[in-house]
């Protein structure tokens, strides 16, 4: 198997789905994003968003959870790249709110990788993270980046 095959370069990989309950939305918001439209159903109905909806950061954190679970399921035979830190992400977008009770499906697409001159043996993988609601509407997107060391 080539490195590009292992990384599924150019292929959209379905990571799974997650249902956002009202209680989970409120619990996350209390800890990390205490906005009225994430904390209180009545206040949310009167807000610009029109209903209790999850924090975009909650939506993104579920992507990370599913992405890590998918990656862990594929490792173990010694031929898998060793993933390191992410130097960040770009162009985070939340074009539509995710309301309580909605199920969101997540995916990733690895787009390219390149060698790092400053870190021999290490490469930078770039990709696209996406999330869609049950109607297929996009609710999250961002450009990913992660460092990895490929086995020789």
Protein backbone atom coordinates (compact mmCIF):
# COMPACT_ATOMS: atom_id res chain seq x y z
CA UNK A 1 0.00 0.00 0.00
CA UNK A 2 1.38 3.41 -0.90
CA UNK A 3 1.39 6.36 1.46
CA UNK A 4 -1.23 8.13 -0.68
CA UNK A 5 -3.44 5.03 -0.48
CA UNK A 6 -3.06 4.84 3.30
CA UNK A 7 -3.92 8.54 3.62
CA UNK A 8 -6.93 8.07 1.29
CA UNK A 9 -5.62 11.04 -0.66
CA UNK A 10 -8.43 12.70 -2.61
CA UNK A 11 -11.16 10.45 -1.19
CA UNK A 12 -13.91 11.66 1.10
CA UNK A 13 -13.94 9.46 4.21
CA UNK A 14 -17.11 9.22 6.28
CA UNK A 15 -16.21 9.43 9.97
CA UNK A 16 -19.64 8.77 11.45
CA UNK A 17 -22.51 10.77 12.84
CA UNK A 18 -23.59 12.32 16.12
CA UNK A 19 -26.98 13.37 17.49
CA UNK A 20 -26.92 16.63 19.47
CA UNK A 21 -29.35 16.47 22.38
CA UNK A 22 -30.59 19.59 24.14
CA UNK A 23 -28.89 18.54 27.38
CA UNK A 24 -25.54 17.90 25.70
CA UNK A 25 -25.73 21.30 23.97
CA UNK A 26 -26.43 23.02 27.29
CA UNK A 27 -23.73 21.07 29.16
CA UNK A 28 -21.07 21.93 26.56
CA UNK A 29 -22.14 25.59 26.49
CA UNK A 30 -21.97 25.92 30.27
CA UNK A 31 -18.33 24.84 30.15
CA UNK A 32 -17.06 26.36 26.93
CA UNK A 33 -19.44 28.78 25.15
CA UNK A 34 -22.04 30.34 27.47
CA UNK A 35 -24.21 32.13 24.90
CA UNK A 36 -27.98 32.39 25.57
CA UNK A 37 -28.88 30.51 22.36
CA UNK A 38 -26.76 27.55 23.60
CA UNK A 39 -27.94 27.62 27.21
CA UNK A 40 -31.67 28.33 27.35
CA UNK A 41 -34.41 27.09 25.02
CA UNK A 42 -36.72 30.07 25.63
CA UNK A 43 -33.93 32.61 25.13
CA UNK A 44 -32.80 30.72 22.04
CA UNK A 45 -36.28 30.89 20.46
CA UNK A 46 -36.15 34.68 20.77
CA UNK A 47 -32.62 34.94 19.36
CA UNK A 48 -31.44 35.53 15.82
CA UNK A 49 -30.92 31.76 15.47
CA UNK A 50 -34.49 30.91 16.47
CA UNK A 51 -33.87 27.88 18.65
CA UNK A 52 -31.50 26.02 20.94
CA UNK A 53 -28.43 25.22 18.89
CA UNK A 54 -25.01 23.81 19.54
CA UNK A 55 -21.85 25.86 19.77
CA UNK A 56 -19.78 25.67 16.62
CA UNK A 57 -16.94 24.54 18.85
CA UNK A 58 -19.10 21.63 20.02
CA UNK A 59 -19.73 20.69 16.39
CA UNK A 60 -15.98 20.87 15.69
CA UNK A 61 -15.03 18.88 18.80
CA UNK A 62 -17.24 16.00 17.69
CA UNK A 63 -15.43 16.02 14.31
CA UNK A 64 -12.12 15.65 16.17
CA UNK A 65 -13.47 12.83 18.34
CA UNK A 66 -14.72 10.89 15.30
CA UNK A 67 -11.58 11.63 13.29
CA UNK A 68 -9.34 10.29 16.05
CA UNK A 69 -11.51 7.18 16.48
CA UNK A 70 -11.34 6.49 12.74
CA UNK A 71 -7.56 6.96 12.69
CA UNK A 72 -7.03 4.74 15.74
CA UNK A 73 -9.06 1.96 14.14
CA UNK A 74 -6.68 1.94 11.15
CA UNK A 75 -3.38 1.87 13.04
CA UNK A 76 -1.61 -1.06 14.60
CA UNK A 77 0.19 -2.99 11.87
CA UNK A 78 3.39 -0.90 11.92
CA UNK A 79 2.87 0.55 8.46
CA UNK A 80 0.76 3.47 9.63
CA UNK A 81 2.22 6.97 9.73
CA UNK A 82 2.88 8.38 13.19
CA UNK A 83 0.77 11.50 13.53
CA UNK A 84 2.10 14.43 15.49
CA UNK A 85 0.76 17.87 16.34
CA UNK A 86 -1.38 20.07 14.19
CA UNK A 87 0.05 23.46 13.30
CA UNK A 88 -3.53 24.76 13.22
CA UNK A 89 -6.50 25.04 10.93
CA UNK A 90 -7.84 27.67 8.55
CA UNK A 91 -11.11 28.99 7.27
CA UNK A 92 -13.43 27.60 9.94
CA UNK A 93 -17.04 28.09 8.82
CA UNK A 94 -20.36 27.32 10.43
CA UNK A 95 -22.82 28.27 7.65
CA UNK A 96 -25.90 26.88 9.40
CA UNK A 97 -26.79 26.29 13.05
CA UNK A 98 -27.17 22.76 14.42
CA UNK A 99 -30.36 22.61 16.48
CA UNK A 100 -31.17 20.31 19.38
CA UNK A 101 -32.21 16.87 18.15
CA UNK A 102 -30.27 17.14 14.88
CA UNK A 103 -27.97 14.35 13.71
CA UNK A 104 -24.81 15.53 11.98
CA UNK A 105 -22.63 13.41 9.68
CA UNK A 106 -18.90 14.07 9.56
CA UNK A 107 -16.22 13.50 6.93
CA UNK A 108 -12.67 14.34 6.03
CA UNK A 109 -10.79 14.50 2.76
CA UNK A 110 -7.00 14.37 2.71
CA UNK A 111 -5.93 16.70 -0.10
CA UNK A 112 -2.12 16.79 -0.20
CA UNK A 113 1.07 16.24 1.75
CA UNK A 114 4.57 17.58 1.48
CA UNK A 115 7.94 17.08 3.10
CA UNK A 116 9.08 19.52 5.78
CA UNK A 117 12.58 20.84 5.10
CA UNK A 118 12.91 21.87 8.75
CA UNK A 119 12.03 18.39 10.10
CA UNK A 120 13.60 15.57 8.06
CA UNK A 121 11.31 12.56 7.80
CA UNK A 122 8.22 14.59 8.70
CA UNK A 123 5.46 15.66 6.34
CA UNK A 124 2.52 18.08 6.46
CA UNK A 125 -0.88 16.64 5.53
CA UNK A 126 -3.55 19.13 4.42
CA UNK A 127 -7.22 18.30 4.20
CA UNK A 128 -10.83 19.36 4.44
CA UNK A 129 -13.13 18.66 7.39
CA UNK A 130 -16.88 18.78 6.82
CA UNK A 131 -20.14 18.23 8.68
CA UNK A 132 -23.65 18.01 7.22
CA UNK A 133 -27.08 17.89 8.82
CA UNK A 134 -29.77 15.31 8.02
CA UNK A 135 -30.90 17.32 4.95
CA UNK A 136 -27.36 17.31 3.55
CA UNK A 137 -26.79 20.99 4.28
CA UNK A 138 -23.26 21.84 5.30
CA UNK A 139 -23.06 22.98 8.94
CA UNK A 140 -19.27 23.08 9.38
CA UNK A 141 -16.14 23.21 7.25
CA UNK A 142 -12.48 23.93 7.87
CA UNK A 143 -9.09 23.26 6.31
CA UNK A 144 -7.02 20.84 8.36
CA UNK A 145 -3.28 20.42 8.79
CA UNK A 146 -1.36 17.79 10.72
CA UNK A 147 2.27 16.72 10.89
CA UNK A 148 3.15 13.06 10.42
CA UNK A 149 6.17 10.81 10.12
CA UNK A 150 5.82 8.09 7.52
CA UNK A 151 7.47 4.70 8.00
CA UNK A 152 10.33 4.03 5.60
